[in-house]
């Protein structure tokens, strides 16, 4: 009955506490007004079984119900229909440059660096419904996995398919990864253009210097957030491939990340450098980037209020009218 109904003046419901007092007062008053006559015998009196005296309490019940409805009416019941119109006033184009070299299979993050990144990156993508996102893979060379698009299903599918393979030349070409990302964004008309570049090593391959790639990013007004992925110290990392099974062989080796270079890239382009040493830290980094790069959304809400107190007041008035009619007609001789 009251589904979807809100009461604007709930404080009037405190008046309902007076109803039990009214009932007690009625019971007490009714006893006082009942006359008693003691006689020795009823012989000579004609007995009738009239039902009217027994129903006289109906008048008080009608008045009590009318008061309850009036109190509910004073509480201003109403339904609210809310319609929302959203307007995106500023879109962001984002390219995520992901290192897919063999070292990304290191197990200092669970289950390994690459899979941990894919899980966190997927949540980041889902949280950017109003932005366009693209993916770039790089190791010793780089290529575009997905051009910037607003279709998140395509981006998420491409992200899921990212894995280490020996087709891409080995090594870590940070400059190549950054340059390819810049190339994806340079013609973008978006108000804000962002690259999130992640690596777990040092620049040791490729024919584009990372500093030159950074200058290109500055020229096209592209902000770059850099992330160094890997624990401090030693990590269980792939060092060779078993020729019989084709599986990687692992050993504990020193984690080397060129933090100086990554900090320089971030500073020059107006971004920020982060270091992710475990899964939780990686999640926190993407959460922070998500907060730093906000898409401005203008939301309009329209409220349509429909008052429901009128029907309650009309019903209460009808009950009081019925009570008065019964009091001065049917029950006139008994009350």
C-alpha atoms as a PDB file:
ATOM      1  CA  UNK A   1       0.000   0.000   0.000  1.00  0.00           C
ATOM      2  CA  UNK A   2       2.772   2.430   0.948  1.00  0.00           C
ATOM      3  CA  UNK A   3       5.325   1.152  -1.577  1.00  0.00           C
ATOM      4  CA  UNK A   4       7.160   4.076  -3.173  1.00  0.00           C
ATOM      5  CA  UNK A   5       5.478   6.584  -0.838  1.00  0.00           C
ATOM      6  CA  UNK A   6       7.529   9.037   1.230  1.00  0.00           C
ATOM      7  CA  UNK A   7       6.221  11.111   4.157  1.00  0.00           C
ATOM      8  CA  UNK A   8       7.407  14.714   4.138  1.00  0.00           C
ATOM      9  CA  UNK A   9       6.357  15.557   7.732  1.00  0.00           C
ATOM     10  CA  UNK A  10       7.022  12.329   9.647  1.00  0.00           C
ATOM     11  CA  UNK A  11       6.922  14.152  12.986  1.00  0.00           C
ATOM     12  CA  UNK A  12       3.102  14.179  12.879  1.00  0.00           C
ATOM     13  CA  UNK A  13       3.120  10.410  13.432  1.00  0.00           C
ATOM     14  CA  UNK A  14       3.918  11.177  17.086  1.00  0.00           C
ATOM     15  CA  UNK A  15       0.219  12.140  17.380  1.00  0.00           C
ATOM     16  CA  UNK A  16      -0.632   8.453  16.987  1.00  0.00           C
ATOM     17  CA  UNK A  17       0.547   8.009  20.578  1.00  0.00           C
ATOM     18  CA  UNK A  18      -2.598   9.881  21.654  1.00  0.00           C
ATOM     19  CA  UNK A  19      -4.883   7.216  20.182  1.00  0.00           C
ATOM     20  CA  UNK A  20      -4.304   4.593  22.942  1.00  0.00           C
ATOM     21  CA  UNK A  21      -5.031   7.348  25.510  1.00  0.00           C
ATOM     22  CA  UNK A  22      -8.259   8.158  23.675  1.00  0.00           C
ATOM     23  CA  UNK A  23      -9.277   4.503  23.839  1.00  0.00           C
ATOM     24  CA  UNK A  24      -8.618   4.371  27.611  1.00  0.00           C
ATOM     25  CA  UNK A  25     -10.595   7.583  28.084  1.00  0.00           C
ATOM     26  CA  UNK A  26     -13.513   6.161  26.078  1.00  0.00           C
ATOM     27  CA  UNK A  27     -13.590   2.931  28.098  1.00  0.00           C
ATOM     28  CA  UNK A  28     -13.492   4.873  31.379  1.00  0.00           C
ATOM     29  CA  UNK A  29     -16.166   7.354  30.272  1.00  0.00           C
ATOM     30  CA  UNK A  30     -18.410   4.582  28.920  1.00  0.00           C
ATOM     31  CA  UNK A  31     -18.429   2.870  32.312  1.00  0.00           C
ATOM     32  CA  UNK A  32     -19.334   6.119  34.053  1.00  0.00           C
ATOM     33  CA  UNK A  33     -22.194   6.817  31.667  1.00  0.00           C
ATOM     34  CA  UNK A  34     -23.740   3.335  32.003  1.00  0.00           C
ATOM     35  CA  UNK A  35     -26.692   3.535  34.450  1.00  0.00           C
ATOM     36  CA  UNK A  36     -27.515   0.635  36.783  1.00  0.00           C
ATOM     37  CA  UNK A  37     -30.936  -0.323  38.072  1.00  0.00           C
ATOM     38  CA  UNK A  38     -31.383  -3.074  40.615  1.00  0.00           C
ATOM     39  CA  UNK A  39     -34.786  -4.795  40.731  1.00  0.00           C
ATOM     40  CA  UNK A  40     -35.899  -8.012  42.334  1.00  0.00           C
ATOM     41  CA  UNK A  41     -37.489  -9.560  39.221  1.00  0.00           C
ATOM     42  CA  UNK A  42     -37.791  -8.981  35.472  1.00  0.00           C
ATOM     43  CA  UNK A  43     -41.268 -10.453  35.346  1.00  0.00           C
ATOM     44  CA  UNK A  44     -43.665  -8.077  33.722  1.00  0.00           C
ATOM     45  CA  UNK A  45     -40.967  -6.615  31.411  1.00  0.00           C
ATOM     46  CA  UNK A  46     -40.942  -7.374  27.744  1.00  0.00           C
ATOM     47  CA  UNK A  47     -37.449  -8.484  26.667  1.00  0.00           C
ATOM     48  CA  UNK A  48     -36.089  -7.592  23.207  1.00  0.00           C
ATOM     49  CA  UNK A  49     -32.848  -8.663  21.617  1.00  0.00           C
ATOM     50  CA  UNK A  50     -31.919  -5.438  19.766  1.00  0.00           C
ATOM     51  CA  UNK A  51     -28.472  -5.365  18.115  1.00  0.00           C
ATOM     52  CA  UNK A  52     -28.270  -1.566  18.035  1.00  0.00           C
ATOM     53  CA  UNK A  53     -26.965  -1.021  21.590  1.00  0.00           C
ATOM     54  CA  UNK A  54     -24.215  -3.551  20.944  1.00  0.00           C
ATOM     55  CA  UNK A  55     -23.019  -1.643  17.861  1.00  0.00           C
ATOM     56  CA  UNK A  56     -22.859   1.797  19.481  1.00  0.00           C
ATOM     57  CA  UNK A  57     -19.074   1.391  19.902  1.00  0.00           C
ATOM     58  CA  UNK A  58     -18.861   1.461  16.114  1.00  0.00           C
ATOM     59  CA  UNK A  59     -19.257   5.247  16.262  1.00  0.00           C
ATOM     60  CA  UNK A  60     -16.106   5.645  18.341  1.00  0.00           C
ATOM     61  CA  UNK A  61     -14.218   3.235  16.053  1.00  0.00           C
ATOM     62  CA  UNK A  62     -15.195   5.345  13.024  1.00  0.00           C
ATOM     63  CA  UNK A  63     -13.981   8.519  14.746  1.00  0.00           C
ATOM     64  CA  UNK A  64     -10.722   6.829  15.767  1.00  0.00           C
ATOM     65  CA  UNK A  65     -10.095   5.607  12.219  1.00  0.00           C
ATOM     66  CA  UNK A  66     -10.863   9.087  10.861  1.00  0.00           C
ATOM     67  CA  UNK A  67      -8.315  10.626  13.253  1.00  0.00           C
ATOM     68  CA  UNK A  68      -5.709   8.089  12.167  1.00  0.00           C
ATOM     69  CA  UNK A  69      -6.270   8.988   8.525  1.00  0.00           C
ATOM     70  CA  UNK A  70      -6.070  12.721   9.310  1.00  0.00           C
ATOM     71  CA  UNK A  71      -2.727  12.220  11.101  1.00  0.00           C
ATOM     72  CA  UNK A  72      -1.418  10.262   8.115  1.00  0.00           C
ATOM     73  CA  UNK A  73      -2.594  13.099   5.868  1.00  0.00           C
ATOM     74  CA  UNK A  74      -0.772  15.679   8.000  1.00  0.00           C
ATOM     75  CA  UNK A  75       2.430  13.640   7.504  1.00  0.00           C
ATOM     76  CA  UNK A  76       2.180  14.556   3.782  1.00  0.00           C
ATOM     77  CA  UNK A  77       2.456  11.241   1.934  1.00  0.00           C
ATOM     78  CA  UNK A  78       3.765  11.685  -1.597  1.00  0.00           C
ATOM     79  CA  UNK A  79       5.363   9.744  -4.410  1.00  0.00           C
ATOM     80  CA  UNK A  80       8.484  11.041  -6.140  1.00  0.00           C
ATOM     81  CA  UNK A  81       9.293  10.271  -9.749  1.00  0.00           C
ATOM     82  CA  UNK A  82      12.956  11.061 -10.457  1.00  0.00           C
ATOM     83  CA  UNK A  83      14.223  11.273 -14.023  1.00  0.00           C
ATOM     84  CA  UNK A  84      17.922  11.810 -14.711  1.00  0.00           C
ATOM     85  CA  UNK A  85      19.676  13.259 -17.726  1.00  0.00           C
ATOM     86  CA  UNK A  86      23.447  12.944 -17.892  1.00  0.00           C
ATOM     87  CA  UNK A  87      25.693  15.045 -20.076  1.00  0.00           C
ATOM     88  CA  UNK A  88      29.402  14.327 -20.394  1.00  0.00           C
ATOM     89  CA  UNK A  89      31.140  17.671 -20.657  1.00  0.00           C
ATOM     90  CA  UNK A  90      34.699  16.395 -20.858  1.00  0.00           C
ATOM     91  CA  UNK A  91      35.960  13.121 -22.297  1.00  0.00           C
ATOM     92  CA  UNK A  92      39.376  11.553 -21.752  1.00  0.00           C
ATOM     93  CA  UNK A  93      41.287   9.390 -24.233  1.00  0.00           C
ATOM     94  CA  UNK A  94      43.549   6.880 -22.496  1.00  0.00           C
ATOM     95  CA  UNK A  95      46.171   4.490 -23.878  1.00  0.00           C
ATOM     96  CA  UNK A  96      47.499   1.758 -21.593  1.00  0.00           C
ATOM     97  CA  UNK A  97      51.036   0.721 -22.642  1.00  0.00           C
ATOM     98  CA  UNK A  98      51.751  -2.734 -21.214  1.00  0.00           C
ATOM     99  CA  UNK A  99      55.141  -4.432 -20.979  1.00  0.00           C
ATOM    100  CA  UNK A 100      54.775  -8.061 -22.156  1.00  0.00           C
ATOM    101  CA  UNK A 101      58.403  -9.136 -21.880  1.00  0.00           C
ATOM    102  CA  UNK A 102      59.255 -12.495 -20.287  1.00  0.00           C
ATOM    103  CA  UNK A 103      60.091 -10.830 -16.960  1.00  0.00           C
ATOM    104  CA  UNK A 104      56.377  -9.994 -16.598  1.00  0.00           C
ATOM    105  CA  UNK A 105      55.901 -13.681 -15.734  1.00  0.00           C
ATOM    106  CA  UNK A 106      57.820 -13.179 -12.463  1.00  0.00           C
ATOM    107  CA  UNK A 107      55.915 -14.473  -9.457  1.00  0.00           C
ATOM    108  CA  UNK A 108      56.485 -11.646  -6.961  1.00  0.00           C
ATOM    109  CA  UNK A 109      52.847 -10.691  -7.669  1.00  0.00           C
ATOM    110  CA  UNK A 110      50.121 -13.337  -7.639  1.00  0.00           C
ATOM    111  CA  UNK A 111      49.872 -15.380  -9.806  1.00  0.00           C
ATOM    112  CA  UNK A 112      52.419 -13.371 -11.816  1.00  0.00           C
ATOM    113  CA  UNK A 113      52.983  -9.731 -12.759  1.00  0.00           C
ATOM    114  CA  UNK A 114      51.136  -9.870 -16.078  1.00  0.00           C
ATOM    115  CA  UNK A 115      48.013 -11.614 -14.788  1.00  0.00           C
ATOM    116  CA  UNK A 116      47.873  -9.337 -11.736  1.00  0.00           C
ATOM    117  CA  UNK A 117      48.067  -6.312 -14.018  1.00  0.00           C
ATOM    118  CA  UNK A 118      45.331  -7.618 -16.352  1.00  0.00           C
ATOM    119  CA  UNK A 119      42.946  -8.092 -13.425  1.00  0.00           C
ATOM    120  CA  UNK A 120      43.500  -4.578 -12.026  1.00  0.00           C
ATOM    121  CA  UNK A 121      43.482  -2.954 -15.474  1.00  0.00           C
ATOM    122  CA  UNK A 122      40.139  -4.621 -16.287  1.00  0.00           C
ATOM    123  CA  UNK A 123      38.528  -3.030 -13.228  1.00  0.00           C
ATOM    124  CA  UNK A 124      40.031   0.327 -14.203  1.00  0.00           C
ATOM    125  CA  UNK A 125      38.539   0.062 -17.699  1.00  0.00           C
ATOM    126  CA  UNK A 126      35.106  -0.874 -16.346  1.00  0.00           C
ATOM    127  CA  UNK A 127      35.221   2.218 -14.138  1.00  0.00           C
ATOM    128  CA  UNK A 128      35.693   4.586 -17.129  1.00  0.00           C
ATOM    129  CA  UNK A 129      32.361   4.248 -19.013  1.00  0.00           C
ATOM    130  CA  UNK A 130      32.559   7.731 -20.551  1.00  0.00           C
ATOM    131  CA  UNK A 131      36.142   7.589 -21.852  1.00  0.00           C
ATOM    132  CA  UNK A 132      37.829   6.042 -24.866  1.00  0.00           C
ATOM    133  CA  UNK A 133      40.610   3.548 -24.131  1.00  0.00           C
ATOM    134  CA  UNK A 134      43.268   1.843 -26.267  1.00  0.00           C
ATOM    135  CA  UNK A 135      45.939  -0.801 -25.594  1.00  0.00           C
ATOM    136  CA  UNK A 136      49.594  -0.944 -26.679  1.00  0.00           C
ATOM    137  CA  UNK A 137      51.856  -3.957 -26.135  1.00  0.00           C
ATOM    138  CA  UNK A 138      55.613  -3.696 -26.081  1.00  0.00           C
ATOM    139  CA  UNK A 139      58.684  -5.779 -25.308  1.00  0.00           C
ATOM    140  CA  UNK A 140      61.706  -5.383 -27.613  1.00  0.00           C
ATOM    141  CA  UNK A 141      59.327  -3.698 -30.069  1.00  0.00           C
ATOM    142  CA  UNK A 142      55.779  -2.372 -29.791  1.00  0.00           C
ATOM    143  CA  UNK A 143      52.457  -2.473 -31.587  1.00  0.00           C
ATOM    144  CA  UNK A 144      48.861  -1.358 -31.067  1.00  0.00           C
ATOM    145  CA  UNK A 145      46.717  -4.096 -29.585  1.00  0.00           C
ATOM    146  CA  UNK A 146      43.505  -1.988 -29.676  1.00  0.00           C
ATOM    147  CA  UNK A 147      43.057   1.550 -31.051  1.00  0.00           C
ATOM    148  CA  UNK A 148      41.290   3.994 -28.741  1.00  0.00           C
ATOM    149  CA  UNK A 149      37.599   3.116 -28.669  1.00  0.00           C
ATOM    150  CA  UNK A 150      34.539   3.693 -26.517  1.00  0.00           C
ATOM    151  CA  UNK A 151      33.551   0.014 -26.875  1.00  0.00           C
ATOM    152  CA  UNK A 152      34.715  -1.375 -23.530  1.00  0.00           C
ATOM    153  CA  UNK A 153      33.796  -4.938 -24.492  1.00  0.00           C
ATOM    154  CA  UNK A 154      36.413  -4.892 -27.253  1.00  0.00           C
ATOM    155  CA  UNK A 155      39.064  -3.402 -24.951  1.00  0.00           C
ATOM    156  CA  UNK A 156      38.359  -5.926 -22.188  1.00  0.00           C
ATOM    157  CA  UNK A 157      38.487  -8.806 -24.669  1.00  0.00           C
ATOM    158  CA  UNK A 158      41.814  -7.574 -26.042  1.00  0.00           C
ATOM    159  CA  UNK A 159      43.195  -7.131 -22.520  1.00  0.00           C
ATOM    160  CA  UNK A 160      42.215 -10.694 -21.645  1.00  0.00           C
ATOM    161  CA  UNK A 161      44.060 -11.975 -24.739  1.00  0.00           C
ATOM    162  CA  UNK A 162      47.335 -10.255 -23.779  1.00  0.00           C
ATOM    163  CA  UNK A 163      49.973 -12.801 -22.865  1.00  0.00           C
ATOM    164  CA  UNK A 164      53.684 -13.362 -23.218  1.00  0.00           C
ATOM    165  CA  UNK A 165      54.699 -14.724 -26.611  1.00  0.00           C
ATOM    166  CA  UNK A 166      58.023 -15.219 -28.346  1.00  0.00           C
ATOM    167  CA  UNK A 167      56.829 -13.577 -31.557  1.00  0.00           C
ATOM    168  CA  UNK A 168      57.608 -10.075 -30.271  1.00  0.00           C
ATOM    169  CA  UNK A 169      61.334  -9.401 -30.086  1.00  0.00           C
ATOM    170  CA  UNK A 170      62.724  -9.843 -26.567  1.00  0.00           C
ATOM    171  CA  UNK A 171      63.826  -6.974 -24.349  1.00  0.00           C
ATOM    172  CA  UNK A 172      62.146  -3.874 -22.953  1.00  0.00           C
ATOM    173  CA  UNK A 173      61.742  -0.971 -25.365  1.00  0.00           C
ATOM    174  CA  UNK A 174      60.196   1.684 -23.156  1.00  0.00           C
ATOM    175  CA  UNK A 175      60.791   4.386 -25.755  1.00  0.00           C
ATOM    176  CA  UNK A 176      59.030   2.328 -28.438  1.00  0.00           C
ATOM    177  CA  UNK A 177      56.048   1.627 -26.190  1.00  0.00           C
ATOM    178  CA  UNK A 178      55.696   5.298 -25.302  1.00  0.00           C
ATOM    179  CA  UNK A 179      56.115   6.458 -28.911  1.00  0.00           C
ATOM    180  CA  UNK A 180      53.463   4.039 -30.191  1.00  0.00           C
ATOM    181  CA  UNK A 181      51.080   5.265 -27.495  1.00  0.00           C
ATOM    182  CA  UNK A 182      51.747   8.890 -28.473  1.00  0.00           C
ATOM    183  CA  UNK A 183      51.047   8.005 -32.101  1.00  0.00           C
ATOM    184  CA  UNK A 184      47.665   6.584 -31.076  1.00  0.00           C
ATOM    185  CA  UNK A 185      46.712   9.815 -29.261  1.00  0.00           C
ATOM    186  CA  UNK A 186      48.324  12.603 -31.297  1.00  0.00           C
ATOM    187  CA  UNK A 187      45.274  13.143 -33.540  1.00  0.00           C
ATOM    188  CA  UNK A 188      42.754  12.805 -30.704  1.00  0.00           C
ATOM    189  CA  UNK A 189      40.297  15.683 -30.271  1.00  0.00           C
ATOM    190  CA  UNK A 190      39.698  14.855 -26.605  1.00  0.00           C
ATOM    191  CA  UNK A 191      40.167  17.606 -24.036  1.00  0.00           C
ATOM    192  CA  UNK A 192      42.498  15.372 -22.034  1.00  0.00           C
ATOM    193  CA  UNK A 193      44.907  12.711 -23.365  1.00  0.00           C
ATOM    194  CA  UNK A 194      46.598  10.244 -21.014  1.00  0.00           C
ATOM    195  CA  UNK A 195      49.106   7.388 -21.285  1.00  0.00           C
ATOM    196  CA  UNK A 196      49.530   4.819 -18.507  1.00  0.00           C
ATOM    197  CA  UNK A 197      52.890   3.177 -19.153  1.00  0.00           C
ATOM    198  CA  UNK A 198      53.815   0.103 -17.127  1.00  0.00           C
ATOM    199  CA  UNK A 199      57.117  -1.751 -17.086  1.00  0.00           C
ATOM    200  CA  UNK A 200      59.098  -4.035 -14.810  1.00  0.00           C
ATOM    201  CA  UNK A 201      62.566  -3.407 -16.233  1.00  0.00           C
ATOM    202  CA  UNK A 202      64.967  -0.996 -17.865  1.00  0.00           C
ATOM    203  CA  UNK A 203      65.075   0.359 -21.403  1.00  0.00           C
ATOM    204  CA  UNK A 204      67.413  -2.041 -23.211  1.00  0.00           C
ATOM    205  CA  UNK A 205      65.936  -2.336 -26.678  1.00  0.00           C
ATOM    206  CA  UNK A 206      64.256  -0.426 -29.483  1.00  0.00           C
ATOM    207  CA  UNK A 207      65.436   2.404 -31.726  1.00  0.00           C
ATOM    208  CA  UNK A 208      63.507   5.288 -30.107  1.00  0.00           C
ATOM    209  CA  UNK A 209      65.018   6.966 -27.083  1.00  0.00           C
ATOM    210  CA  UNK A 210      62.492   7.301 -24.213  1.00  0.00           C
ATOM    211  CA  UNK A 211      63.424  10.966 -23.761  1.00  0.00           C
ATOM    212  CA  UNK A 212      62.565  11.700 -27.405  1.00  0.00           C
ATOM    213  CA  UNK A 213      59.246   9.856 -26.953  1.00  0.00           C
ATOM    214  CA  UNK A 214      58.612  12.010 -23.873  1.00  0.00           C
ATOM    215  CA  UNK A 215      59.226  15.166 -25.886  1.00  0.00           C
ATOM    216  CA  UNK A 216      56.679  13.948 -28.441  1.00  0.00           C
ATOM    217  CA  UNK A 217      54.163  13.449 -25.647  1.00  0.00           C
ATOM    218  CA  UNK A 218      54.762  16.997 -24.438  1.00  0.00           C
ATOM    219  CA  UNK A 219      54.370  18.358 -27.991  1.00  0.00           C
ATOM    220  CA  UNK A 220      50.942  16.752 -28.309  1.00  0.00           C
ATOM    221  CA  UNK A 221      49.933  17.664 -24.749  1.00  0.00           C
ATOM    222  CA  UNK A 222      49.748  14.044 -23.583  1.00  0.00           C
ATOM    223  CA  UNK A 223      50.127  13.355 -19.866  1.00  0.00           C
ATOM    224  CA  UNK A 224      51.970  10.147 -18.925  1.00  0.00           C
ATOM    225  CA  UNK A 225      51.607   8.145 -15.727  1.00  0.00           C
ATOM    226  CA  UNK A 226      54.424   5.617 -15.309  1.00  0.00           C
ATOM    227  CA  UNK A 227      54.311   2.496 -13.139  1.00  0.00           C
ATOM    228  CA  UNK A 228      57.291   0.412 -12.080  1.00  0.00           C
ATOM    229  CA  UNK A 229      56.083  -3.122 -11.376  1.00  0.00           C
ATOM    230  CA  UNK A 230      58.059  -5.469  -9.152  1.00  0.00           C
ATOM    231  CA  UNK A 231      59.047  -6.127  -5.580  1.00  0.00           C
ATOM    232  CA  UNK A 232      62.073  -4.625  -3.862  1.00  0.00           C
ATOM    233  CA  UNK A 233      64.973  -7.067  -3.876  1.00  0.00           C
ATOM    234  CA  UNK A 234      64.831 -10.574  -5.358  1.00  0.00           C
ATOM    235  CA  UNK A 235      61.957 -12.092  -7.331  1.00  0.00           C
ATOM    236  CA  UNK A 236      61.254 -15.551  -8.716  1.00  0.00           C
ATOM    237  CA  UNK A 237      61.611 -14.835 -12.443  1.00  0.00           C
ATOM    238  CA  UNK A 238      61.920 -16.852 -15.688  1.00  0.00           C
ATOM    239  CA  UNK A 239      65.563 -17.335 -16.671  1.00  0.00           C
ATOM    240  CA  UNK A 240      65.441 -20.086 -19.319  1.00  0.00           C
ATOM    241  CA  UNK A 241      63.166 -22.447 -21.228  1.00  0.00           C
ATOM    242  CA  UNK A 242      63.294 -26.205 -20.735  1.00  0.00           C
ATOM    243  CA  UNK A 243      63.981 -27.554 -24.244  1.00  0.00           C
ATOM    244  CA  UNK A 244      62.161 -30.798 -23.504  1.00  0.00           C
ATOM    245  CA  UNK A 245      58.883 -29.392 -22.120  1.00  0.00           C
ATOM    246  CA  UNK A 246      58.963 -25.819 -23.404  1.00  0.00           C
ATOM    247  CA  UNK A 247      58.213 -24.542 -19.899  1.00  0.00           C
ATOM    248  CA  UNK A 248      60.027 -21.670 -18.242  1.00  0.00           C
ATOM    249  CA  UNK A 249      62.624 -22.364 -15.603  1.00  0.00           C
ATOM    250  CA  UNK A 250      62.595 -19.928 -12.698  1.00  0.00           C
ATOM    251  CA  UNK A 251      65.274 -18.561 -10.397  1.00  0.00           C
ATOM    252  CA  UNK A 252      65.496 -15.739  -7.877  1.00  0.00           C
ATOM    253  CA  UNK A 253      67.074 -12.702  -9.527  1.00  0.00           C
ATOM    254  CA  UNK A 254      67.458  -9.045  -8.613  1.00  0.00           C
ATOM    255  CA  UNK A 255      64.564  -6.771  -9.655  1.00  0.00           C
ATOM    256  CA  UNK A 256      65.871  -3.875 -11.728  1.00  0.00           C
ATOM    257  CA  UNK A 257      63.545  -1.012 -12.644  1.00  0.00           C
ATOM    258  CA  UNK A 258      64.817   2.233 -14.158  1.00  0.00           C
ATOM    259  CA  UNK A 259      62.935   4.456 -11.720  1.00  0.00           C
ATOM    260  CA  UNK A 260      65.004   7.510 -12.657  1.00  0.00           C
ATOM    261  CA  UNK A 261      63.838   7.243 -16.275  1.00  0.00           C
ATOM    262  CA  UNK A 262      60.201   6.564 -15.337  1.00  0.00           C
ATOM    263  CA  UNK A 263      60.140   9.530 -12.958  1.00  0.00           C
ATOM    264  CA  UNK A 264      61.629  11.754 -15.640  1.00  0.00           C
ATOM    265  CA  UNK A 265      59.014  10.702 -18.204  1.00  0.00           C
ATOM    266  CA  UNK A 266      56.216  11.399 -15.730  1.00  0.00           C
ATOM    267  CA  UNK A 267      57.616  14.777 -14.625  1.00  0.00           C
ATOM    268  CA  UNK A 268      58.275  16.044 -18.156  1.00  0.00           C
ATOM    269  CA  UNK A 269      54.771  15.168 -19.364  1.00  0.00           C
ATOM    270  CA  UNK A 270      52.923  16.397 -16.254  1.00  0.00           C
ATOM    271  CA  UNK A 271      52.091  12.933 -14.956  1.00  0.00           C
ATOM    272  CA  UNK A 272      53.183  10.976 -11.913  1.00  0.00           C
ATOM    273  CA  UNK A 273      55.398   7.963 -11.170  1.00  0.00           C
ATOM    274  CA  UNK A 274      54.215   5.002  -9.059  1.00  0.00           C
ATOM    275  CA  UNK A 275      55.909   1.872  -7.752  1.00  0.00           C
ATOM    276  CA  UNK A 276      53.822  -1.304  -7.378  1.00  0.00           C
ATOM    277  CA  UNK A 277      55.542  -3.888  -5.220  1.00  0.00           C
ATOM    278  CA  UNK A 278      52.530  -6.180  -4.662  1.00  0.00           C
ATOM    279  CA  UNK A 279      48.948  -6.784  -5.794  1.00  0.00           C
ATOM    280  CA  UNK A 280      47.384  -4.457  -3.242  1.00  0.00           C
ATOM    281  CA  UNK A 281      49.730  -1.606  -4.131  1.00  0.00           C
ATOM    282  CA  UNK A 282      48.968  -2.073  -7.831  1.00  0.00           C
ATOM    283  CA  UNK A 283      45.225  -1.781  -7.129  1.00  0.00           C
ATOM    284  CA  UNK A 284      45.812   1.379  -5.084  1.00  0.00           C
ATOM    285  CA  UNK A 285      47.831   2.934  -7.920  1.00  0.00           C
ATOM    286  CA  UNK A 286      45.101   2.428 -10.497  1.00  0.00           C
ATOM    287  CA  UNK A 287      42.530   3.735  -8.001  1.00  0.00           C
ATOM    288  CA  UNK A 288      44.620   6.874  -7.547  1.00  0.00           C
ATOM    289  CA  UNK A 289      45.015   7.400 -11.294  1.00  0.00           C
ATOM    290  CA  UNK A 290      41.262   6.909 -11.621  1.00  0.00           C
ATOM    291  CA  UNK A 291      40.715   9.713  -9.098  1.00  0.00           C
ATOM    292  CA  UNK A 292      43.320  12.004 -10.658  1.00  0.00           C
ATOM    293  CA  UNK A 293      41.834  11.698 -14.155  1.00  0.00           C
ATOM    294  CA  UNK A 294      38.156  12.452 -13.665  1.00  0.00           C
ATOM    295  CA  UNK A 295      35.713  12.834 -16.521  1.00  0.00           C
ATOM    296  CA  UNK A 296      33.489  15.816 -15.846  1.00  0.00           C
ATOM    297  CA  UNK A 297      29.856  14.767 -15.977  1.00  0.00           C
ATOM    298  CA  UNK A 298      26.918  17.115 -15.654  1.00  0.00           C
ATOM    299  CA  UNK A 299      23.849  15.414 -14.246  1.00  0.00           C
ATOM    300  CA  UNK A 300      20.348  16.881 -14.310  1.00  0.00           C
ATOM    301  CA  UNK A 301      17.677  15.428 -12.039  1.00  0.00           C
ATOM    302  CA  UNK A 302      13.982  16.191 -12.448  1.00  0.00           C
ATOM    303  CA  UNK A 303      11.619  15.523  -9.535  1.00  0.00           C
ATOM    304  CA  UNK A 304       7.876  15.066 -10.036  1.00  0.00           C
ATOM    305  CA  UNK A 305       5.992  15.022  -6.727  1.00  0.00           C
ATOM    306  CA  UNK A 306       2.446  13.617  -6.473  1.00  0.00           C
ATOM    307  CA  UNK A 307       0.609  14.391  -3.205  1.00  0.00           C
ATOM    308  CA  UNK A 308      -1.347  11.507  -1.667  1.00  0.00           C
ATOM    309  CA  UNK A 309      -2.824  13.225   1.417  1.00  0.00           C
ATOM    310  CA  UNK A 310      -6.029  14.368  -0.313  1.00  0.00           C
ATOM    311  CA  UNK A 311      -7.517  10.869  -0.552  1.00  0.00           C
ATOM    312  CA  UNK A 312      -6.747  10.251   3.141  1.00  0.00           C
ATOM    313  CA  UNK A 313      -8.406  13.514   4.214  1.00  0.00           C
ATOM    314  CA  UNK A 314     -11.456  12.852   2.029  1.00  0.00           C
ATOM    315  CA  UNK A 315     -11.810   9.341   3.447  1.00  0.00           C
ATOM    316  CA  UNK A 316     -11.467  10.685   7.014  1.00  0.00           C
ATOM    317  CA  UNK A 317     -14.173  13.293   6.286  1.00  0.00           C
ATOM    318  CA  UNK A 318     -16.445  10.578   4.891  1.00  0.00           C
ATOM    319  CA  UNK A 319     -16.004   8.455   8.034  1.00  0.00           C
ATOM    320  CA  UNK A 320     -16.818  11.442  10.288  1.00  0.00           C
ATOM    321  CA  UNK A 321     -19.917  12.171   8.199  1.00  0.00           C
ATOM    322  CA  UNK A 322     -21.051   8.547   8.497  1.00  0.00           C
ATOM    323  CA  UNK A 323     -20.502   8.735  12.261  1.00  0.00           C
ATOM    324  CA  UNK A 324     -22.640  11.908  12.556  1.00  0.00           C
ATOM    325  CA  UNK A 325     -25.414  10.429  10.423  1.00  0.00           C
ATOM    326  CA  UNK A 326     -25.494   7.244  12.499  1.00  0.00           C
ATOM    327  CA  UNK A 327     -25.305   9.200  15.768  1.00  0.00           C
ATOM    328  CA  UNK A 328     -28.320  11.368  14.956  1.00  0.00           C
ATOM    329  CA  UNK A 329     -30.399   8.719  13.161  1.00  0.00           C
ATOM    330  CA  UNK A 330     -29.974   5.016  13.898  1.00  0.00           C
ATOM    331  CA  UNK A 331     -28.229   5.411  17.276  1.00  0.00           C
ATOM    332  CA  UNK A 332     -30.088   8.535  18.433  1.00  0.00           C
ATOM    333  CA  UNK A 333     -31.889   6.751  21.253  1.00  0.00           C
ATOM    334  CA  UNK A 334     -28.804   4.921  22.502  1.00  0.00           C
ATOM    335  CA  UNK A 335     -25.997   7.449  22.622  1.00  0.00           C
END
